[in-house]
Protein backbone atom coordinates (compact mmCIF):
# COMPACT_ATOMS: atom_id res chain seq x y z
CA MET A 1 89.82 92.35 169.70
CA ASN A 2 88.28 95.56 169.43
CA ARG A 3 88.88 97.57 165.96
CA LYS A 4 87.93 100.49 164.44
CA VAL A 5 85.87 100.29 161.29
CA SER A 6 88.52 102.96 159.95
CA GLU A 7 91.02 99.90 160.15
CA LEU A 8 89.38 97.22 158.86
CA PRO A 9 90.49 95.52 155.77
CA GLU A 10 88.22 96.58 152.30
CA ALA A 11 86.62 93.99 150.74
CA GLN A 12 87.40 93.36 147.23
CA GLN A 13 84.67 91.84 146.45
CA ILE A 14 80.98 91.56 147.43
CA ASN A 15 78.45 88.71 147.08
CA ASP A 16 74.38 88.73 147.37
CA ASN A 17 74.82 86.68 150.10
CA ASP A 18 77.20 88.82 152.25
CA VAL A 19 75.92 90.54 155.45
CA PHE A 20 76.31 93.93 156.95
CA MET A 21 76.20 94.85 160.40
CA ILE A 22 73.35 97.59 161.23
CA LEU A 23 72.13 99.86 163.95
CA GLN A 24 68.28 99.79 163.61
CA SER A 25 66.29 101.25 166.61
CA ASN A 26 69.52 101.09 169.40
CA GLU A 27 70.15 97.26 168.14
CA ASN A 28 72.63 96.05 166.29
CA LYS A 29 71.18 93.61 163.17
CA LYS A 30 72.60 91.97 160.33
CA VAL A 31 71.02 92.59 157.13
CA ALA A 32 72.34 90.77 153.73
CA ILE A 33 73.34 92.63 150.73
CA ASP A 34 70.81 91.59 148.32
CA LYS A 35 68.26 93.17 150.58
CA LEU A 36 70.46 96.36 150.35
CA LEU A 37 71.10 96.41 146.44
CA PRO A 38 68.34 97.18 143.71
CA LEU A 39 67.57 94.21 141.57
CA LYS A 40 66.56 96.26 138.39
CA GLN A 41 65.79 100.26 138.04
CA ALA A 42 64.99 101.99 134.57
CA THR A 43 64.21 105.73 134.03
CA VAL A 44 61.69 106.25 131.50
CA THR A 45 61.03 110.05 130.03
CA LEU A 46 57.31 110.82 129.58
CA GLU A 47 56.60 111.75 126.42
CA SER A 48 52.62 112.26 127.19
CA THR A 49 49.78 111.93 129.83
CA VAL A 50 49.52 109.01 131.47
CA ASN A 51 45.66 109.26 132.98
CA ALA A 52 44.55 108.73 136.39
CA ASN A 53 43.31 104.91 137.25
CA THR A 54 44.75 103.67 134.07
CA ASP A 55 47.01 100.57 133.83
CA TYR A 56 50.59 101.74 133.65
CA THR A 57 52.98 99.08 132.05
CA LEU A 58 56.65 99.03 133.87
CA PRO A 59 59.40 99.24 131.72
CA SER A 60 60.93 95.72 129.72
CA GLY A 61 62.01 93.08 132.11
CA MET A 62 61.01 94.67 135.49
CA TYR A 63 58.52 92.92 137.29
CA TYR A 64 57.79 93.33 141.21
CA LYS A 65 55.69 91.15 143.73
CA VAL A 66 52.10 92.35 144.53
CA GLY A 67 52.02 93.64 148.29
CA ASN A 68 55.57 92.85 149.31
CA ASN A 69 56.85 96.83 148.88
CA SER A 70 59.51 95.63 146.68
CA LEU A 71 58.76 98.16 143.93
CA GLU A 72 59.51 102.29 144.24
CA VAL A 73 58.14 105.11 142.14
CA ILE A 74 59.95 108.37 141.61
CA TYR A 75 58.53 110.99 139.54
CA CYS A 76 60.23 113.69 138.69
CA SER A 77 62.70 113.04 141.83
CA THR A 78 59.94 112.69 144.02
CA LYS A 79 58.91 109.14 145.51
CA LEU A 80 55.72 107.72 145.45
CA VAL A 81 53.33 106.63 147.97
CA LYS A 82 51.82 103.43 147.50
CA GLY A 83 48.12 104.00 148.35
CA GLN A 84 48.44 107.24 147.81
CA ASP A 85 50.12 108.01 144.48
CA TYR A 86 49.81 104.82 142.95
CA ASN A 87 48.09 101.12 143.18
CA GLU A 88 50.31 97.99 142.66
CA ILE A 89 47.90 96.08 139.84
CA GLY A 90 47.18 92.35 140.84
CA ASN A 91 46.72 89.94 143.76
CA ALA A 92 49.03 89.77 146.89
CA GLY A 93 52.03 87.55 145.86
CA GLU A 94 51.55 87.23 142.31
CA VAL A 95 54.24 88.98 140.11
CA SER A 96 53.13 91.93 138.30
CA ASN A 97 54.43 94.76 135.83
CA VAL A 98 51.27 96.81 135.84
CA ILE A 99 50.42 99.68 138.26
CA GLN A 100 47.68 102.52 138.14
CA PHE A 101 48.34 106.12 138.80
CA LEU A 102 45.83 107.83 141.20
CA ASP A 103 46.15 111.03 139.45
CA SER A 104 47.35 112.25 136.02
CA ILE A 105 51.24 112.47 135.07
CA GLY A 106 52.87 113.64 132.34
CA ASP A 107 51.13 116.79 131.89
CA LEU A 108 53.42 119.41 133.22
CA ASP A 109 54.26 122.28 131.06
CA MET A 110 57.37 124.28 132.16
CA SER A 111 58.18 125.98 128.62
CA ASP A 112 57.41 129.02 129.78
CA VAL A 113 59.18 128.89 133.04
CA GLU A 114 62.72 130.59 132.89
CA GLY A 115 65.46 127.80 133.85
CA PHE A 116 62.96 125.09 133.11
CA GLU A 117 62.73 125.52 128.76
CA ASN A 118 64.11 121.60 128.64
CA PHE A 119 62.38 120.36 131.93
CA SER A 120 61.04 116.65 130.80
CA GLU A 121 59.04 114.43 133.45
CA THR A 122 60.79 111.50 134.27
CA LEU A 123 59.85 108.14 136.16
CA GLU A 124 62.14 106.08 137.83
CA PHE A 125 61.15 102.28 139.11
CA VAL A 126 63.46 100.55 141.61
CA VAL A 127 62.80 96.68 142.08
CA ARG A 128 64.16 95.29 145.12
CA ARG A 129 64.40 91.29 146.06
């Protein structure tokens, strides 16, 4: 029986082991919801400069597995690229809470730019399973 998506009943509760069908590269594939939802997320407002090539510890309780692409770092709404903007610190497969930025961040002065007088630099971290 073929049904339109709009005719399907709405899920009342979502569980980590629920599976969704997605279309990827013109193929139907399945993905578990725990792969789609962030495990942890935190936002930090920078109060001072973070120098390049110095250890930066993620917010309390945030850990990622080195090398498995589970960490996303967003600086002022721009997603940073691992290996280009920052490096994960630790051995592949190990759990870590430290990164290093390849350029200094947190040193933007927007106080003289009209409309940006109250601008604050933010870092957002998302760790996926």
